[in-house]
Amino acid sequence: GTITISFSEGTVIDASTDQEGAGYVVVKEDTEAVDL
């Protein structure tokens, strides 16, 4: 299996997968670590 994850900065921390199977990870500017 394969997933393509797009990382970006935003106002909240979030991780999700859309209906087409693409992944998105959003981190706040001061976030140093995230568990996925």
ModelCIF file with pLDDT and N, C-alpha, C, O atoms, coordinates in Angstrom:
data_MODEL
#
_entry.id   MODEL 
#
_entity.id                         1 
_entity.type                       polymer 
_entity.pdbx_number_of_molecules   1 
#
_entity_poly.entity_id                      1 
_entity_poly.type                           'polypeptide(L)' 
_entity_poly.nstd_linkage                   no 
_entity_poly.nstd_monomer                   no 
_entity_poly.pdbx_seq_one_letter_code       GTITISFSEGTVIDASTDQEGAGYVVVKEDTEAVDL 
_entity_poly.pdbx_seq_one_letter_code_can   GTITISFSEGTVIDASTDQEGAGYVVVKEDTEAVDL 
_entity_poly.pdbx_strand_id                 A 
#
loop_
_entity_poly_seq.entity_id 
_entity_poly_seq.num 
_entity_poly_seq.mon_id 
_entity_poly_seq.hetero 
1 1  GLY n 
1 2  THR n 
1 3  ILE n 
1 4  THR n 
1 5  ILE n 
1 6  SER n 
1 7  PHE n 
1 8  SER n 
1 9  GLU n 
1 10 GLY n 
1 11 THR n 
1 12 VAL n 
1 13 ILE n 
1 14 ASP n 
1 15 ALA n 
1 16 SER n 
1 17 THR n 
1 18 ASP n 
1 19 GLN n 
1 20 GLU n 
1 21 GLY n 
1 22 ALA n 
1 23 GLY n 
1 24 TYR n 
1 25 VAL n 
1 26 VAL n 
1 27 VAL n 
1 28 LYS n 
1 29 GLU n 
1 30 ASP n 
1 31 THR n 
1 32 GLU n 
1 33 ALA n 
1 34 VAL n 
1 35 ASP n 
1 36 LEU n 
#
_struct_asym.id          A 
_struct_asym.entity_id   1 
#
loop_
_ma_qa_metric.id 
_ma_qa_metric.mode 
_ma_qa_metric.name 
_ma_qa_metric.software_group_id 
_ma_qa_metric.type 
1 global pLDDT . pLDDT 
2 local  pLDDT . pLDDT 
#
_ma_qa_metric_global.metric_id      1 
_ma_qa_metric_global.metric_value   93.92 
_ma_qa_metric_global.model_id       1 
_ma_qa_metric_global.ordinal_id     1 
#
loop_
_ma_qa_metric_local.label_asym_id 
_ma_qa_metric_local.label_comp_id 
_ma_qa_metric_local.label_seq_id 
_ma_qa_metric_local.metric_id 
_ma_qa_metric_local.metric_value 
_ma_qa_metric_local.model_id 
_ma_qa_metric_local.ordinal_id 
A GLY 1  2 95.00 1 1  
A THR 2  2 96.00 1 2  
A ILE 3  2 97.00 1 3  
A THR 4  2 97.00 1 4  
A ILE 5  2 96.00 1 5  
A SER 6  2 96.00 1 6  
A PHE 7  2 95.00 1 7  
A SER 8  2 95.00 1 8  
A GLU 9  2 94.00 1 9  
A GLY 10 2 93.00 1 10 
A THR 11 2 92.00 1 11 
A VAL 12 2 91.00 1 12 
A ILE 13 2 92.00 1 13 
A ASP 14 2 94.00 1 14 
A ALA 15 2 94.00 1 15 
A SER 16 2 94.00 1 16 
A THR 17 2 94.00 1 17 
A ASP 18 2 93.00 1 18 
A GLN 19 2 90.00 1 19 
A GLU 20 2 90.00 1 20 
A GLY 21 2 92.00 1 21 
A ALA 22 2 95.00 1 22 
A GLY 23 2 95.00 1 23 
A TYR 24 2 96.00 1 24 
A VAL 25 2 96.00 1 25 
A VAL 26 2 96.00 1 26 
A VAL 27 2 95.00 1 27 
A LYS 28 2 93.00 1 28 
A GLU 29 2 91.00 1 29 
A ASP 30 2 91.00 1 30 
A THR 31 2 92.00 1 31 
A GLU 32 2 92.00 1 32 
A ALA 33 2 93.00 1 33 
A VAL 34 2 94.00 1 34 
A ASP 35 2 96.00 1 35 
A LEU 36 2 96.00 1 36 
#
loop_
_atom_site.group_PDB 
_atom_site.id 
_atom_site.type_symbol 
_atom_site.label_atom_id 
_atom_site.label_alt_id 
_atom_site.label_comp_id 
_atom_site.label_asym_id 
_atom_site.label_entity_id 
_atom_site.label_seq_id 
_atom_site.pdbx_PDB_ins_code 
_atom_site.Cartn_x 
_atom_site.Cartn_y 
_atom_site.Cartn_z 
_atom_site.occupancy 
_atom_site.B_iso_or_equiv 
_atom_site.pdbx_formal_charge 
_atom_site.auth_seq_id 
_atom_site.auth_comp_id 
_atom_site.auth_asym_id 
_atom_site.auth_atom_id 
_atom_site.pdbx_PDB_model_num 
ATOM 1   N N  . GLY A 1 1  ? 0.832   -1.193 0.000  1.00 95.00 ? 1  GLY A N  1 
ATOM 2   C CA . GLY A 1 1  ? 0.000   0.000  0.000  1.00 95.00 ? 1  GLY A CA 1 
ATOM 3   C C  . GLY A 1 1  ? 0.865   1.241  0.000  1.00 95.00 ? 1  GLY A C  1 
ATOM 4   O O  . GLY A 1 1  ? 1.987   1.226  0.507  1.00 95.00 ? 1  GLY A O  1 
ATOM 5   N N  . THR A 1 2  ? 0.338   2.330  -0.575 1.00 96.00 ? 2  THR A N  1 
ATOM 6   C CA . THR A 1 2  ? 1.074   3.586  -0.664 1.00 96.00 ? 2  THR A CA 1 
ATOM 7   C C  . THR A 1 2  ? 0.139   4.740  -0.353 1.00 96.00 ? 2  THR A C  1 
ATOM 8   O O  . THR A 1 2  ? -1.039  4.716  -0.709 1.00 96.00 ? 2  THR A O  1 
ATOM 9   N N  . ILE A 1 3  ? 0.676   5.747  0.313  1.00 97.00 ? 3  ILE A N  1 
ATOM 10  C CA . ILE A 1 3  ? -0.058  6.986  0.549  1.00 97.00 ? 3  ILE A CA 1 
ATOM 11  C C  . ILE A 1 3  ? 0.912   8.144  0.353  1.00 97.00 ? 3  ILE A C  1 
ATOM 12  O O  . ILE A 1 3  ? 2.078   8.063  0.739  1.00 97.00 ? 3  ILE A O  1 
ATOM 13  N N  . THR A 1 4  ? 0.423   9.211  -0.247 1.00 97.00 ? 4  THR A N  1 
ATOM 14  C CA . THR A 1 4  ? 1.204   10.429 -0.408 1.00 97.00 ? 4  THR A CA 1 
ATOM 15  C C  . THR A 1 4  ? 0.690   11.437 0.604  1.00 97.00 ? 4  THR A C  1 
ATOM 16  O O  . THR A 1 4  ? -0.498  11.759 0.636  1.00 97.00 ? 4  THR A O  1 
ATOM 17  N N  . ILE A 1 5  ? 1.608   11.932 1.435  1.00 96.00 ? 5  ILE A N  1 
ATOM 18  C CA . ILE A 1 5  ? 1.254   12.849 2.522  1.00 96.00 ? 5  ILE A CA 1 
ATOM 19  C C  . ILE A 1 5  ? 1.780   14.239 2.187  1.00 96.00 ? 5  ILE A C  1 
ATOM 20  O O  . ILE A 1 5  ? 2.957   14.395 1.863  1.00 96.00 ? 5  ILE A O  1 
ATOM 21  N N  . SER A 1 6  ? 0.922   15.245 2.262  1.00 96.00 ? 6  SER A N  1 
ATOM 22  C CA . SER A 1 6  ? 1.323   16.640 2.101  1.00 96.00 ? 6  SER A CA 1 
ATOM 23  C C  . SER A 1 6  ? 1.410   17.276 3.481  1.00 96.00 ? 6  SER A C  1 
ATOM 24  O O  . SER A 1 6  ? 0.421   17.326 4.213  1.00 96.00 ? 6  SER A O  1 
ATOM 25  N N  . PHE A 1 7  ? 2.597   17.762 3.834  1.00 95.00 ? 7  PHE A N  1 
ATOM 26  C CA . PHE A 1 7  ? 2.823   18.434 5.114  1.00 95.00 ? 7  PHE A CA 1 
ATOM 27  C C  . PHE A 1 7  ? 2.725   19.938 4.901  1.00 95.00 ? 7  PHE A C  1 
ATOM 28  O O  . PHE A 1 7  ? 3.232   20.465 3.911  1.00 95.00 ? 7  PHE A O  1 
ATOM 29  N N  . SER A 1 8  ? 2.070   20.629 5.836  1.00 95.00 ? 8  SER A N  1 
ATOM 30  C CA . SER A 1 8  ? 1.962   22.081 5.762  1.00 95.00 ? 8  SER A CA 1 
ATOM 31  C C  . SER A 1 8  ? 1.805   22.648 7.171  1.00 95.00 ? 8  SER A C  1 
ATOM 32  O O  . SER A 1 8  ? 1.618   21.908 8.136  1.00 95.00 ? 8  SER A O  1 
ATOM 33  N N  . GLU A 1 9  ? 1.884   23.977 7.271  1.00 94.00 ? 9  GLU A N  1 
ATOM 34  C CA . GLU A 1 9  ? 1.673   24.655 8.551  1.00 94.00 ? 9  GLU A CA 1 
ATOM 35  C C  . GLU A 1 9  ? 0.297   25.284 8.556  1.00 94.00 ? 9  GLU A C  1 
ATOM 36  O O  . GLU A 1 9  ? -0.206  25.714 7.519  1.00 94.00 ? 9  GLU A O  1 
ATOM 37  N N  . GLY A 1 10 ? -0.313  25.335 9.743  1.00 93.00 ? 10 GLY A N  1 
ATOM 38  C CA . GLY A 1 10 ? -1.630  25.933 9.900  1.00 93.00 ? 10 GLY A CA 1 
ATOM 39  C C  . GLY A 1 10 ? -1.841  26.368 11.331 1.00 93.00 ? 10 GLY A C  1 
ATOM 40  O O  . GLY A 1 10 ? -0.886  26.488 12.099 1.00 93.00 ? 10 GLY A O  1 
ATOM 41  N N  . THR A 1 11 ? -3.096  26.605 11.695 1.00 92.00 ? 11 THR A N  1 
ATOM 42  C CA . THR A 1 11 ? -3.411  27.080 13.043 1.00 92.00 ? 11 THR A CA 1 
ATOM 43  C C  . THR A 1 11 ? -3.742  25.946 14.004 1.00 92.00 ? 11 THR A C  1 
ATOM 44  O O  . THR A 1 11 ? -3.868  26.175 15.207 1.00 92.00 ? 11 THR A O  1 
ATOM 45  N N  . VAL A 1 12 ? -3.882  24.737 13.497 1.00 91.00 ? 12 VAL A N  1 
ATOM 46  C CA . VAL A 1 12 ? -4.174  23.564 14.327 1.00 91.00 ? 12 VAL A CA 1 
ATOM 47  C C  . VAL A 1 12 ? -3.262  22.419 13.914 1.00 91.00 ? 12 VAL A C  1 
ATOM 48  O O  . VAL A 1 12 ? -2.631  22.466 12.859 1.00 91.00 ? 12 VAL A O  1 
ATOM 49  N N  . ILE A 1 13 ? -3.197  21.387 14.757 1.00 92.00 ? 13 ILE A N  1 
ATOM 50  C CA . ILE A 1 13 ? -2.474  20.167 14.397 1.00 92.00 ? 13 ILE A CA 1 
ATOM 51  C C  . ILE A 1 13 ? -3.509  19.150 13.951 1.00 92.00 ? 13 ILE A C  1 
ATOM 52  O O  . ILE A 1 13 ? -4.472  18.886 14.671 1.00 92.00 ? 13 ILE A O  1 
ATOM 53  N N  . ASP A 1 14 ? -3.319  18.573 12.762 1.00 94.00 ? 14 ASP A N  1 
ATOM 54  C CA . ASP A 1 14 ? -4.293  17.624 12.244 1.00 94.00 ? 14 ASP A CA 1 
ATOM 55  C C  . ASP A 1 14 ? -3.609  16.671 11.274 1.00 94.00 ? 14 ASP A C  1 
ATOM 56  O O  . ASP A 1 14 ? -2.596  17.009 10.662 1.00 94.00 ? 14 ASP A O  1 
ATOM 57  N N  . ALA A 1 15 ? -4.165  15.501 11.145 1.00 94.00 ? 15 ALA A N  1 
ATOM 58  C CA . ALA A 1 15 ? -3.732  14.536 10.133 1.00 94.00 ? 15 ALA A CA 1 
ATOM 59  C C  . ALA A 1 15 ? -4.976  13.813 9.654  1.00 94.00 ? 15 ALA A C  1 
ATOM 60  O O  . ALA A 1 15 ? -5.817  13.405 10.455 1.00 94.00 ? 15 ALA A O  1 
ATOM 61  N N  . SER A 1 16 ? -5.088  13.657 8.345  1.00 94.00 ? 16 SER A N  1 
ATOM 62  C CA . SER A 1 16 ? -6.275  13.018 7.798  1.00 94.00 ? 16 SER A CA 1 
ATOM 63  C C  . SER A 1 16 ? -5.973  12.421 6.432  1.00 94.00 ? 16 SER A C  1 
ATOM 64  O O  . SER A 1 16 ? -4.931  12.679 5.828  1.00 94.00 ? 16 SER A O  1 
ATOM 65  N N  . THR A 1 17 ? -6.923  11.614 5.966  1.00 94.00 ? 17 THR A N  1 
ATOM 66  C CA . THR A 1 17 ? -6.853  11.019 4.636  1.00 94.00 ? 17 THR A CA 1 
ATOM 67  C C  . THR A 1 17 ? -8.154  11.350 3.929  1.00 94.00 ? 17 THR A C  1 
ATOM 68  O O  . THR A 1 17 ? -9.232  11.134 4.483  1.00 94.00 ? 17 THR A O  1 
ATOM 69  N N  . ASP A 1 18 ? -8.066  11.877 2.702  1.00 93.00 ? 18 ASP A N  1 
ATOM 70  C CA . ASP A 1 18 ? -9.295  12.214 1.986  1.00 93.00 ? 18 ASP A CA 1 
ATOM 71  C C  . ASP A 1 18 ? -9.863  10.990 1.266  1.00 93.00 ? 18 ASP A C  1 
ATOM 72  O O  . ASP A 1 18 ? -9.291  9.902  1.333  1.00 93.00 ? 18 ASP A O  1 
ATOM 73  N N  . GLN A 1 19 ? -10.980 11.174 0.584  1.00 90.00 ? 19 GLN A N  1 
ATOM 74  C CA . GLN A 1 19 ? -11.675 10.069 -0.074 1.00 90.00 ? 19 GLN A CA 1 
ATOM 75  C C  . GLN A 1 19 ? -10.871 9.454  -1.211 1.00 90.00 ? 19 GLN A C  1 
ATOM 76  O O  . GLN A 1 19 ? -11.082 8.292  -1.559 1.00 90.00 ? 19 GLN A O  1 
ATOM 77  N N  . GLU A 1 20 ? -9.949  10.219 -1.793 1.00 90.00 ? 20 GLU A N  1 
ATOM 78  C CA . GLU A 1 20 ? -9.115  9.702  -2.876 1.00 90.00 ? 20 GLU A CA 1 
ATOM 79  C C  . GLU A 1 20 ? -7.876  8.994  -2.347 1.00 90.00 ? 20 GLU A C  1 
ATOM 80  O O  . GLU A 1 20 ? -7.108  8.439  -3.132 1.00 90.00 ? 20 GLU A O  1 
ATOM 81  N N  . GLY A 1 21 ? -7.664  9.002  -1.023 1.00 92.00 ? 21 GLY A N  1 
ATOM 82  C CA . GLY A 1 21 ? -6.534  8.308  -0.427 1.00 92.00 ? 21 GLY A CA 1 
ATOM 83  C C  . GLY A 1 21 ? -5.302  9.156  -0.203 1.00 92.00 ? 21 GLY A C  1 
ATOM 84  O O  . GLY A 1 21 ? -4.254  8.631  0.173  1.00 92.00 ? 21 GLY A O  1 
ATOM 85  N N  . ALA A 1 22 ? -5.404  10.467 -0.425 1.00 95.00 ? 22 ALA A N  1 
ATOM 86  C CA . ALA A 1 22 ? -4.271  11.365 -0.174 1.00 95.00 ? 22 ALA A CA 1 
ATOM 87  C C  . ALA A 1 22 ? -4.263  11.756 1.304  1.00 95.00 ? 22 ALA A C  1 
ATOM 88  O O  . ALA A 1 22 ? -5.315  11.958 1.909  1.00 95.00 ? 22 ALA A O  1 
ATOM 89  N N  . GLY A 1 23 ? -3.065  11.859 1.872  1.00 95.00 ? 23 GLY A N  1 
ATOM 90  C CA . GLY A 1 23 ? -2.935  12.222 3.271  1.00 95.00 ? 23 GLY A CA 1 
ATOM 91  C C  . GLY A 1 23 ? -2.509  13.664 3.441  1.00 95.00 ? 23 GLY A C  1 
ATOM 92  O O  . GLY A 1 23 ? -1.812  14.223 2.594  1.00 95.00 ? 23 GLY A O  1 
ATOM 93  N N  . TYR A 1 24 ? -2.934  14.264 4.544  1.00 96.00 ? 24 TYR A N  1 
ATOM 94  C CA . TYR A 1 24 ? -2.596  15.646 4.861  1.00 96.00 ? 24 TYR A CA 1 
ATOM 95  C C  . TYR A 1 24 ? -2.205  15.732 6.322  1.00 96.00 ? 24 TYR A C  1 
ATOM 96  O O  . TYR A 1 24 ? -2.910  15.227 7.196  1.00 96.00 ? 24 TYR A O  1 
ATOM 97  N N  . VAL A 1 25 ? -1.075  16.375 6.582  1.00 96.00 ? 25 VAL A N  1 
ATOM 98  C CA . VAL A 1 25 ? -0.636  16.622 7.950  1.00 96.00 ? 25 VAL A CA 1 
ATOM 99  C C  . VAL A 1 25 ? -0.414  18.124 8.064  1.00 96.00 ? 25 VAL A C  1 
ATOM 100 O O  . VAL A 1 25 ? 0.352   18.714 7.302  1.00 96.00 ? 25 VAL A O  1 
ATOM 101 N N  . VAL A 1 26 ? -1.097  18.733 9.032  1.00 96.00 ? 26 VAL A N  1 
ATOM 102 C CA . VAL A 1 26 ? -0.972  20.158 9.292  1.00 96.00 ? 26 VAL A CA 1 
ATOM 103 C C  . VAL A 1 26 ? -0.419  20.313 10.696 1.00 96.00 ? 26 VAL A C  1 
ATOM 104 O O  . VAL A 1 26 ? -0.931  19.714 11.642 1.00 96.00 ? 26 VAL A O  1 
ATOM 105 N N  . VAL A 1 27 ? 0.631   21.120 10.832 1.00 95.00 ? 27 VAL A N  1 
ATOM 106 C CA . VAL A 1 27 ? 1.225   21.372 12.140 1.00 95.00 ? 27 VAL A CA 1 
ATOM 107 C C  . VAL A 1 27 ? 1.263   22.869 12.393 1.00 95.00 ? 27 VAL A C  1 
ATOM 108 O O  . VAL A 1 27 ? 1.364   23.668 11.462 1.00 95.00 ? 27 VAL A O  1 
ATOM 109 N N  . LYS A 1 28 ? 1.181   23.234 13.658 1.00 93.00 ? 28 LYS A N  1 
ATOM 110 C CA . LYS A 1 28 ? 1.304   24.638 14.031 1.00 93.00 ? 28 LYS A CA 1 
ATOM 111 C C  . LYS A 1 28 ? 2.764   25.052 13.891 1.00 93.00 ? 28 LYS A C  1 
ATOM 112 O O  . LYS A 1 28 ? 3.662   24.210 13.865 1.00 93.00 ? 28 LYS A O  1 
ATOM 113 N N  . GLU A 1 29 ? 2.984   26.343 13.802 1.00 91.00 ? 29 GLU A N  1 
ATOM 114 C CA . GLU A 1 29 ? 4.336   26.870 13.597 1.00 91.00 ? 29 GLU A CA 1 
ATOM 115 C C  . GLU A 1 29 ? 5.304   26.449 14.689 1.00 91.00 ? 29 GLU A C  1 
ATOM 116 O O  . GLU A 1 29 ? 6.492   26.263 14.425 1.00 91.00 ? 29 GLU A O  1 
ATOM 117 N N  . ASP A 1 30 ? 4.806   26.295 15.932 1.00 91.00 ? 30 ASP A N  1 
ATOM 118 C CA . ASP A 1 30 ? 5.686   25.941 17.051 1.00 91.00 ? 30 ASP A CA 1 
ATOM 119 C C  . ASP A 1 30 ? 5.724   24.447 17.347 1.00 91.00 ? 30 ASP A C  1 
ATOM 120 O O  . ASP A 1 30 ? 6.335   24.032 18.332 1.00 91.00 ? 30 ASP A O  1 
ATOM 121 N N  . THR A 1 31 ? 5.081   23.631 16.513 1.00 92.00 ? 31 THR A N  1 
ATOM 122 C CA . THR A 1 31 ? 5.075   22.186 16.716 1.00 92.00 ? 31 THR A CA 1 
ATOM 123 C C  . THR A 1 31 ? 6.444   21.602 16.377 1.00 92.00 ? 31 THR A C  1 
ATOM 124 O O  . THR A 1 31 ? 6.972   21.825 15.287 1.00 92.00 ? 31 THR A O  1 
ATOM 125 N N  . GLU A 1 32 ? 7.012   20.850 17.323 1.00 92.00 ? 32 GLU A N  1 
ATOM 126 C CA . GLU A 1 32 ? 8.308   20.219 17.098 1.00 92.00 ? 32 GLU A CA 1 
ATOM 127 C C  . GLU A 1 32 ? 8.180   18.751 16.731 1.00 92.00 ? 32 GLU A C  1 
ATOM 128 O O  . GLU A 1 32 ? 9.021   18.212 16.012 1.00 92.00 ? 32 GLU A O  1 
ATOM 129 N N  . ALA A 1 33 ? 7.112   18.092 17.230 1.00 93.00 ? 33 ALA A N  1 
ATOM 130 C CA . ALA A 1 33 ? 6.964   16.653 17.004 1.00 93.00 ? 33 ALA A CA 1 
ATOM 131 C C  . ALA A 1 33 ? 5.492   16.304 16.845 1.00 93.00 ? 33 ALA A C  1 
ATOM 132 O O  . ALA A 1 33 ? 4.614   16.959 17.406 1.00 93.00 ? 33 ALA A O  1 
ATOM 133 N N  . VAL A 1 34 ? 5.246   15.266 16.072 1.00 94.00 ? 34 VAL A N  1 
ATOM 134 C CA . VAL A 1 34 ? 3.882   14.775 15.880 1.00 94.00 ? 34 VAL A CA 1 
ATOM 135 C C  . VAL A 1 34 ? 3.937   13.249 15.768 1.00 94.00 ? 34 VAL A C  1 
ATOM 136 O O  . VAL A 1 34 ? 4.839   12.689 15.144 1.00 94.00 ? 34 VAL A O  1 
ATOM 137 N N  . ASP A 1 35 ? 2.963   12.602 16.379 1.00 96.00 ? 35 ASP A N  1 
ATOM 138 C CA . ASP A 1 35 ? 2.837   11.151 16.304 1.00 96.00 ? 35 ASP A CA 1 
ATOM 139 C C  . ASP A 1 35 ? 1.740   10.823 15.303 1.00 96.00 ? 35 ASP A C  1 
ATOM 140 O O  . ASP A 1 35 ? 0.609   11.294 15.427 1.00 96.00 ? 35 ASP A O  1 
ATOM 141 N N  . LEU A 1 36 ? 2.088   10.002 14.298 1.00 96.00 ? 36 LEU A N  1 
ATOM 142 C CA . LEU A 1 36 ? 1.139   9.635  13.266 1.00 96.00 ? 36 LEU A CA 1 
ATOM 143 C C  . LEU A 1 36 ? 0.861   8.140  13.313 1.00 96.00 ? 36 LEU A C  1 
ATOM 144 O O  . LEU A 1 36 ? 0.077   7.632  12.512 1.00 96.00 ? 36 LEU A O  1 
#
